[in-house]
Amino acid sequence: MKQHVEKISLWQLYILIICFQIGSAALVGIGNEAKQDAWIAIIIATVFGAGLILYYFFLLSRLPGKNLFEIFGFCFGKWIGKFLTLLYVIYFFYISARVLRDFGELLVSTIFEVTPLEVISITMMLVIIYMLQLGLEVLGRTSEVFFPYVVTFILVTGIAIWLSGGLEISNLRPVLGDGFKPIKKALFPQLITFPFGEAITFMVVGAYIGAKKRVGKVSAAAVVTSGLILTYGSFIQIATLGADLKERATFPLLSASREISLLNFIERVDLIIVFFVMFGIIVKVSLFFYGGLKGLEYIINKPYRSMTLPMGALVAFISVVVSHNFIEHIEEGLVFVPFYLHLPFQFGIPMLILPILLWKTKKKEKTSL
């Protein structure tokens, strides 16, 4: 099979990781179990996340130029490797559908209140299908264009709330009032799996990075940057809404932004919030969808571009039927997904392949001497 060679730069990797991890995490809010200490829990989770992505890229470094699925084939042989790949294909497509549903629910509940969810899901997937048809490089270049706006909007939102008098620092106290127990509850399994553990998809993308030397440092720096942005967002949400209201709010960042009122002119900045959340969602869905497509490419030995349309239609369909309503969707995401999907696919299988990969690569090195 003749493959189109795809490459992304280290700068594009840095941006993609940040946008990917901000994605739906900025939308639905994270660390609620830690109450007013959610920002502390996110900082701790960021450290775990940086170590985790370094681990993922260490695995890739043992077989340069190979992606996650090719590592499966190397470690376990053709048939077991393809079976594991199929499991990850299902996982990647399912998570991409869930993230797409997150954004669909945001638009339906805030802006397009009379628009069917199906229309939003299909429209978003058509944009993503078109982008991936053009290649991974296009996603990287598009991210470069929009990244400054995304970061600026996040920072300006917090400053605007402060200037509007909406920040109540007292909402952040008492710090560690209930000790570390709520923070531990927030960390495992929610925060370490969402959004930081979801970086497992970069074990597919990582094989197509042009420069290999500093990839570990760049990826870890990107995780730290996204963690700081999420910490800032959580800090703003708690200080504006309070821990209890933040936990009850469907979209806490959107609720906090409604406190902005400057010069009796700048109000209702919902569209700005939706814009930067939309781009993060597009990046996240695109990368999970790309991971699933590359898995299918490995299994059936056909270019992934030939499968973007039918698989995109499938993901859009799953995003609509995955749950009956948003409450069920969130409960499923907090209970079922972390324990039964995220932990095995983000930690279990990657940890399992480490000793086998080390043994086989060392054996290969000795044989080549």
Protein backbone atom coordinates (compact mmCIF):
# COMPACT_ATOMS: atom_id res chain seq x y z
CA MET A 1 0.00 0.00 0.00
CA LYS A 2 1.42 3.34 -1.05
CA GLN A 3 1.01 5.82 1.81
CA HIS A 4 0.95 9.59 1.69
CA VAL A 5 3.77 10.83 3.90
CA GLU A 6 2.47 13.16 6.61
CA LYS A 7 4.58 15.31 8.91
CA ILE A 8 3.83 17.88 11.60
CA SER A 9 6.34 20.16 13.28
CA LEU A 10 7.17 20.32 16.98
CA TRP A 11 5.38 23.68 17.23
CA GLN A 12 2.27 22.17 15.68
CA LEU A 13 2.50 19.24 18.09
CA TYR A 14 2.74 21.68 21.00
CA ILE A 15 -0.39 23.53 19.84
CA LEU A 16 -2.36 20.37 19.08
CA ILE A 17 -1.71 18.93 22.56
CA ILE A 18 -2.84 22.16 24.23
CA CYS A 19 -6.01 22.52 22.15
CA PHE A 20 -6.74 18.80 22.50
CA GLN A 21 -6.52 18.82 26.28
CA ILE A 22 -8.40 22.09 26.75
CA GLY A 23 -11.14 20.89 24.36
CA SER A 24 -14.18 19.58 26.19
CA ALA A 25 -12.47 19.92 29.60
CA ALA A 26 -12.90 23.69 29.42
CA LEU A 27 -16.52 23.18 28.41
CA VAL A 28 -17.90 20.80 31.05
CA GLY A 29 -15.60 21.73 33.95
CA ILE A 30 -13.27 19.34 35.77
CA GLY A 31 -12.22 18.57 39.33
CA ASN A 32 -15.66 19.23 40.85
CA GLU A 33 -15.16 16.53 43.49
CA ALA A 34 -12.44 18.70 45.05
CA LYS A 35 -14.91 21.59 45.53
CA GLN A 36 -13.06 24.90 46.03
CA ASP A 37 -9.72 23.05 45.76
CA ALA A 38 -10.37 21.90 42.19
CA TRP A 39 -7.57 24.12 40.91
CA ILE A 40 -5.10 22.33 43.23
CA ALA A 41 -6.28 18.95 41.95
CA ILE A 42 -5.75 20.10 38.36
CA ILE A 43 -2.18 21.20 39.12
CA ILE A 44 -1.38 17.77 40.61
CA ALA A 45 -3.06 16.02 37.67
CA THR A 46 -0.97 18.12 35.28
CA VAL A 47 2.22 16.66 36.79
CA PHE A 48 0.83 13.15 36.27
CA GLY A 49 -0.20 14.11 32.74
CA ALA A 50 3.28 15.36 31.84
CA GLY A 51 4.82 12.11 33.09
CA LEU A 52 2.22 10.08 31.20
CA ILE A 53 2.82 11.70 27.84
CA LEU A 54 6.58 11.29 28.34
CA TYR A 55 5.90 7.60 28.88
CA TYR A 56 3.84 7.39 25.69
CA PHE A 57 6.59 9.00 23.64
CA PHE A 58 9.20 6.76 25.30
CA LEU A 59 7.29 3.76 23.94
CA LEU A 60 7.29 5.34 20.49
CA SER A 61 11.03 6.05 20.72
CA ARG A 62 11.76 2.33 21.03
CA LEU A 63 10.46 1.84 17.49
CA PRO A 64 11.12 5.11 15.62
CA GLY A 65 8.64 5.86 12.87
CA LYS A 66 6.07 3.35 14.15
CA ASN A 67 2.70 4.26 15.61
CA LEU A 68 0.73 2.59 18.40
CA PHE A 69 -0.82 -0.06 16.17
CA GLU A 70 2.46 -1.03 14.55
CA ILE A 71 3.93 -1.43 18.05
CA PHE A 72 1.09 -3.86 18.83
CA GLY A 73 2.01 -5.90 15.78
CA PHE A 74 5.70 -5.87 16.74
CA CYS A 75 5.02 -6.95 20.33
CA PHE A 76 2.18 -9.46 19.92
CA GLY A 77 2.28 -10.59 16.32
CA LYS A 78 -0.12 -10.00 13.44
CA TRP A 79 -3.43 -11.34 14.75
CA ILE A 80 -3.27 -10.29 18.40
CA GLY A 81 -1.89 -6.94 17.25
CA LYS A 82 -4.84 -6.42 14.91
CA PHE A 83 -7.29 -7.48 17.64
CA LEU A 84 -5.85 -4.89 20.04
CA THR A 85 -5.92 -2.34 17.22
CA LEU A 86 -9.62 -3.06 16.64
CA LEU A 87 -10.34 -2.44 20.33
CA TYR A 88 -8.58 0.93 20.11
CA VAL A 89 -10.46 1.78 16.90
CA ILE A 90 -13.75 1.27 18.75
CA TYR A 91 -12.43 3.28 21.71
CA PHE A 92 -11.22 6.19 19.58
CA PHE A 93 -14.44 6.39 17.55
CA TYR A 94 -16.59 6.15 20.67
CA ILE A 95 -14.71 8.93 22.51
CA SER A 96 -14.76 11.15 19.42
CA ALA A 97 -18.55 10.69 19.32
CA ARG A 98 -18.84 11.59 23.01
CA VAL A 99 -16.80 14.76 22.58
CA LEU A 100 -18.88 15.69 19.54
CA ARG A 101 -22.01 15.23 21.67
CA ASP A 102 -20.56 17.59 24.31
CA PHE A 103 -20.35 20.38 21.78
CA GLY A 104 -23.72 19.58 20.25
CA GLU A 105 -25.35 19.88 23.65
CA LEU A 106 -23.64 23.24 24.20
CA LEU A 107 -24.99 24.70 20.97
CA VAL A 108 -28.47 23.24 21.39
CA SER A 109 -28.84 24.55 24.93
CA THR A 110 -27.36 28.02 24.41
CA ILE A 111 -27.47 29.30 20.83
CA PHE A 112 -29.32 27.01 18.38
CA GLU A 113 -32.17 26.08 20.69
CA VAL A 114 -34.52 24.96 17.91
CA THR A 115 -31.86 23.23 15.78
CA PRO A 116 -31.87 19.42 15.94
CA LEU A 117 -28.78 17.84 17.50
CA GLU A 118 -28.39 15.73 14.36
CA VAL A 119 -27.81 18.80 12.19
CA ILE A 120 -25.03 20.09 14.45
CA SER A 121 -23.29 16.69 14.65
CA ILE A 122 -23.40 16.17 10.89
CA THR A 123 -22.17 19.70 10.15
CA MET A 124 -19.24 19.39 12.56
CA MET A 125 -18.26 15.99 11.18
CA LEU A 126 -18.32 17.28 7.61
CA VAL A 127 -15.80 19.97 8.58
CA ILE A 128 -13.60 17.36 10.28
CA ILE A 129 -13.89 14.92 7.37
CA TYR A 130 -12.85 17.64 4.92
CA MET A 131 -9.89 18.61 7.10
CA LEU A 132 -8.61 15.05 7.47
CA GLN A 133 -9.09 14.40 3.76
CA LEU A 134 -6.53 17.14 3.24
CA GLY A 135 -4.20 15.52 5.77
CA LEU A 136 -2.82 15.80 9.28
CA GLU A 137 -0.62 18.71 8.20
CA VAL A 138 -3.72 20.82 7.46
CA LEU A 139 -5.02 20.22 10.98
CA GLY A 140 -1.64 21.32 12.31
CA ARG A 141 -1.54 24.49 10.18
CA THR A 142 -5.15 25.36 11.05
CA SER A 143 -4.28 25.02 14.74
CA GLU A 144 -1.41 27.46 14.29
CA VAL A 145 -3.81 30.06 12.92
CA PHE A 146 -6.48 29.79 15.63
CA PHE A 147 -4.31 29.03 18.66
CA PRO A 148 -3.48 32.69 19.55
CA TYR A 149 -7.17 33.59 19.51
CA VAL A 150 -8.10 30.64 21.73
CA VAL A 151 -5.51 31.51 24.39
CA THR A 152 -6.30 35.24 24.20
CA PHE A 153 -10.03 34.66 24.65
CA ILE A 154 -9.44 32.48 27.71
CA LEU A 155 -7.17 35.04 29.37
CA VAL A 156 -9.37 37.99 28.46
CA THR A 157 -12.48 36.25 29.80
CA GLY A 158 -10.95 36.04 33.28
CA ILE A 159 -9.74 39.63 33.19
CA ALA A 160 -13.14 40.86 31.97
CA ILE A 161 -14.94 39.04 34.81
CA TRP A 162 -12.53 40.61 37.30
CA LEU A 163 -13.06 44.11 35.85
CA SER A 164 -16.82 43.51 36.01
CA GLY A 165 -16.55 42.83 39.73
CA GLY A 166 -17.66 39.22 39.38
CA LEU A 167 -14.70 37.59 41.13
CA GLU A 168 -15.10 36.67 44.81
CA ILE A 169 -11.77 35.36 46.09
CA SER A 170 -13.54 34.25 49.28
CA ASN A 171 -15.16 31.48 47.19
CA LEU A 172 -11.72 29.82 47.04
CA ARG A 173 -11.50 29.51 50.81
CA PRO A 174 -10.88 27.54 52.92
CA VAL A 175 -7.92 26.09 51.04
CA LEU A 176 -7.69 22.36 51.84
CA GLY A 177 -10.57 22.82 54.26
CA ASP A 178 -11.46 19.12 54.00
CA GLY A 179 -7.88 17.90 53.65
CA PHE A 180 -6.57 15.93 50.67
CA LYS A 181 -9.40 13.39 50.51
CA PRO A 182 -11.59 15.39 48.06
CA ILE A 183 -8.51 16.07 45.91
CA LYS A 184 -7.68 12.36 45.77
CA LYS A 185 -11.29 11.66 44.78
CA ALA A 186 -11.05 14.21 41.98
CA LEU A 187 -7.73 12.87 40.76
CA PHE A 188 -8.64 9.20 40.42
CA PRO A 189 -9.91 8.25 38.00
CA GLN A 190 -11.49 11.41 36.55
CA LEU A 191 -8.67 13.96 36.26
CA ILE A 192 -5.83 11.61 35.37
CA THR A 193 -7.93 10.06 32.61
CA PHE A 194 -9.79 13.17 31.44
CA PRO A 195 -8.23 15.10 29.86
CA PHE A 196 -4.61 14.07 30.51
CA GLY A 197 -4.81 10.33 29.87
CA GLU A 198 -6.61 10.93 26.59
CA ALA A 199 -3.22 11.92 25.17
CA ILE A 200 -2.92 8.21 24.28
CA THR A 201 -4.10 9.29 20.82
CA PHE A 202 -0.75 11.04 20.34
CA MET A 203 0.83 7.58 20.16
CA VAL A 204 -0.77 7.53 16.71
CA VAL A 205 0.10 11.12 15.78
CA GLY A 206 3.59 10.91 17.30
CA ALA A 207 4.86 8.70 14.49
CA TYR A 208 4.40 11.59 12.04
CA ILE A 209 6.41 14.28 13.81
CA GLY A 210 9.23 15.60 11.66
CA ALA A 211 11.77 16.33 14.43
CA LYS A 212 12.27 13.53 16.96
CA LYS A 213 14.99 14.88 19.27
CA ARG A 214 12.98 17.21 21.53
CA VAL A 215 9.56 15.64 21.14
CA GLY A 216 9.42 14.52 24.78
CA LYS A 217 10.27 17.94 26.19
CA VAL A 218 7.87 19.70 23.82
CA SER A 219 4.98 17.36 24.61
CA ALA A 220 5.54 17.65 28.37
CA ALA A 221 5.71 21.45 28.07
CA ALA A 222 2.42 21.39 26.14
CA VAL A 223 0.74 19.35 28.87
CA VAL A 224 2.01 21.76 31.54
CA THR A 225 0.75 24.72 29.50
CA SER A 226 -2.70 23.19 29.02
CA GLY A 227 -2.78 22.27 32.72
CA LEU A 228 -2.04 25.87 33.69
CA ILE A 229 -4.77 27.14 31.36
CA LEU A 230 -7.27 24.67 32.82
CA THR A 231 -6.17 25.67 36.35
CA TYR A 232 -6.73 29.32 35.45
CA GLY A 233 -10.16 28.48 34.05
CA SER A 234 -11.12 26.49 37.15
CA PHE A 235 -9.87 29.31 39.40
CA ILE A 236 -12.05 31.81 37.51
CA GLN A 237 -15.11 29.54 37.60
CA ILE A 238 -14.88 28.90 41.35
CA ALA A 239 -14.17 32.53 42.19
CA THR A 240 -17.12 33.65 40.06
CA LEU A 241 -19.74 31.00 40.74
CA GLY A 242 -18.63 29.33 43.95
CA ALA A 243 -17.84 25.61 44.24
CA ASP A 244 -21.46 24.47 44.64
CA LEU A 245 -22.85 26.44 41.70
CA LYS A 246 -19.89 25.41 39.54
CA GLU A 247 -20.66 21.76 40.24
CA ARG A 248 -24.35 22.20 39.40
CA ALA A 249 -23.79 24.29 36.27
CA THR A 250 -24.05 22.39 32.99
CA PHE A 251 -21.38 24.57 31.37
CA PRO A 252 -19.61 26.45 34.21
CA LEU A 253 -17.29 28.50 31.99
CA LEU A 254 -20.26 29.79 30.03
CA SER A 255 -22.13 30.57 33.26
CA ALA A 256 -19.13 32.47 34.63
CA SER A 257 -18.73 34.50 31.41
CA ARG A 258 -22.27 35.82 31.80
CA GLU A 259 -21.02 37.91 34.71
CA ILE A 260 -19.10 40.08 32.26
CA SER A 261 -20.53 43.59 31.97
CA LEU A 262 -18.18 46.37 30.91
CA LEU A 263 -19.08 49.99 30.03
CA ASN A 264 -22.74 48.97 29.66
CA PHE A 265 -21.71 47.71 26.23
CA ILE A 266 -19.62 44.54 26.44
CA GLU A 267 -22.06 41.88 27.66
CA ARG A 268 -23.23 38.41 26.71
CA VAL A 269 -19.92 37.16 25.35
CA ASP A 270 -21.35 33.66 24.93
CA LEU A 271 -20.38 33.55 21.26
CA ILE A 272 -16.71 34.19 22.06
CA ILE A 273 -16.70 31.35 24.60
CA VAL A 274 -18.41 29.05 22.12
CA PHE A 275 -15.83 29.99 19.46
CA PHE A 276 -12.72 28.95 21.37
CA VAL A 277 -14.46 25.89 22.83
CA MET A 278 -15.55 24.94 19.31
CA PHE A 279 -12.00 24.96 17.99
CA GLY A 280 -10.74 22.85 20.92
CA ILE A 281 -13.56 20.38 20.28
CA ILE A 282 -12.74 20.22 16.55
CA VAL A 283 -9.10 19.40 17.34
CA LYS A 284 -10.06 16.78 19.90
CA VAL A 285 -12.66 15.05 17.73
CA SER A 286 -10.31 15.21 14.73
CA LEU A 287 -7.42 13.54 16.57
CA PHE A 288 -9.55 10.78 18.08
CA PHE A 289 -11.21 10.24 14.71
CA TYR A 290 -7.81 10.22 13.00
CA GLY A 291 -6.58 7.63 15.50
CA GLY A 292 -9.52 5.37 14.70
CA LEU A 293 -9.01 5.80 10.96
CA LYS A 294 -5.30 4.95 11.19
CA GLY A 295 -6.23 1.85 13.17
CA LEU A 296 -8.58 0.75 10.41
CA GLU A 297 -5.86 1.51 7.87
CA TYR A 298 -3.56 -0.87 9.75
CA ILE A 299 -6.20 -3.60 9.97
CA ILE A 300 -7.56 -3.65 6.41
CA ASN A 301 -4.50 -2.19 4.63
CA LYS A 302 -6.37 0.60 2.85
CA PRO A 303 -5.65 4.37 2.99
CA TYR A 304 -7.57 6.03 5.79
CA ARG A 305 -8.83 8.77 3.45
CA SER A 306 -11.07 6.23 1.72
CA MET A 307 -12.88 5.67 5.02
CA THR A 308 -13.34 9.21 6.31
CA LEU A 309 -16.88 9.68 4.97
CA PRO A 310 -18.52 6.38 6.08
CA MET A 311 -16.75 6.39 9.45
CA GLY A 312 -17.54 10.09 9.92
CA ALA A 313 -21.22 9.33 9.32
CA LEU A 314 -20.98 6.53 11.89
CA VAL A 315 -19.37 8.81 14.51
CA ALA A 316 -22.05 11.48 13.93
CA PHE A 317 -24.75 8.84 14.36
CA ILE A 318 -23.19 7.47 17.56
CA SER A 319 -22.91 10.99 18.99
CA VAL A 320 -26.69 11.35 18.71
CA VAL A 321 -27.72 7.92 20.05
CA VAL A 322 -24.97 7.51 22.68
CA SER A 323 -27.37 8.76 25.37
CA HIS A 324 -30.98 9.88 25.65
CA ASN A 325 -30.24 13.24 27.24
CA PHE A 326 -27.35 15.36 28.50
CA ILE A 327 -27.72 14.26 32.14
CA GLU A 328 -27.38 10.61 31.13
CA HIS A 329 -24.47 11.55 28.89
CA ILE A 330 -22.58 13.24 31.76
CA GLU A 331 -23.29 10.42 34.24
CA GLU A 332 -22.01 7.86 31.75
CA GLY A 333 -18.90 9.98 31.23
CA LEU A 334 -18.21 10.19 34.97
CA VAL A 335 -18.96 6.59 35.99
CA PHE A 336 -18.70 4.11 33.11
CA VAL A 337 -16.13 5.64 30.77
CA PRO A 338 -13.26 6.35 33.26
CA PHE A 339 -13.25 2.91 34.88
CA TYR A 340 -14.15 0.62 31.99
CA LEU A 341 -12.62 2.44 29.03
CA HIS A 342 -10.08 5.09 30.00
CA LEU A 343 -8.13 3.10 32.59
CA PRO A 344 -7.63 -0.04 30.44
CA PHE A 345 -6.85 1.83 27.21
CA GLN A 346 -4.81 4.69 28.67
CA PHE A 347 -2.91 2.80 31.35
CA GLY A 348 -3.52 -0.97 31.29
CA ILE A 349 -2.50 -1.90 27.76
CA PRO A 350 0.33 0.70 27.45
CA MET A 351 1.84 -0.63 30.71
CA LEU A 352 1.44 -4.21 29.48
CA ILE A 353 3.42 -3.62 26.31
CA LEU A 354 6.40 -1.97 28.07
CA PRO A 355 8.31 -5.13 29.17
CA ILE A 356 7.54 -6.92 25.89
CA LEU A 357 8.65 -3.92 23.83
CA LEU A 358 11.88 -3.51 25.81
CA TRP A 359 12.68 -7.22 25.54
CA LYS A 360 11.99 -7.43 21.79
CA THR A 361 13.82 -4.22 20.89
CA LYS A 362 16.89 -5.28 22.90
CA LYS A 363 16.78 -8.67 21.22
CA LYS A 364 16.55 -6.94 17.83
CA GLU A 365 19.52 -4.71 18.66
CA LYS A 366 21.66 -7.70 19.67
CA THR A 367 20.71 -9.55 16.48
CA SER A 368 21.69 -6.58 14.30
CA LEU A 369 25.15 -6.31 15.89
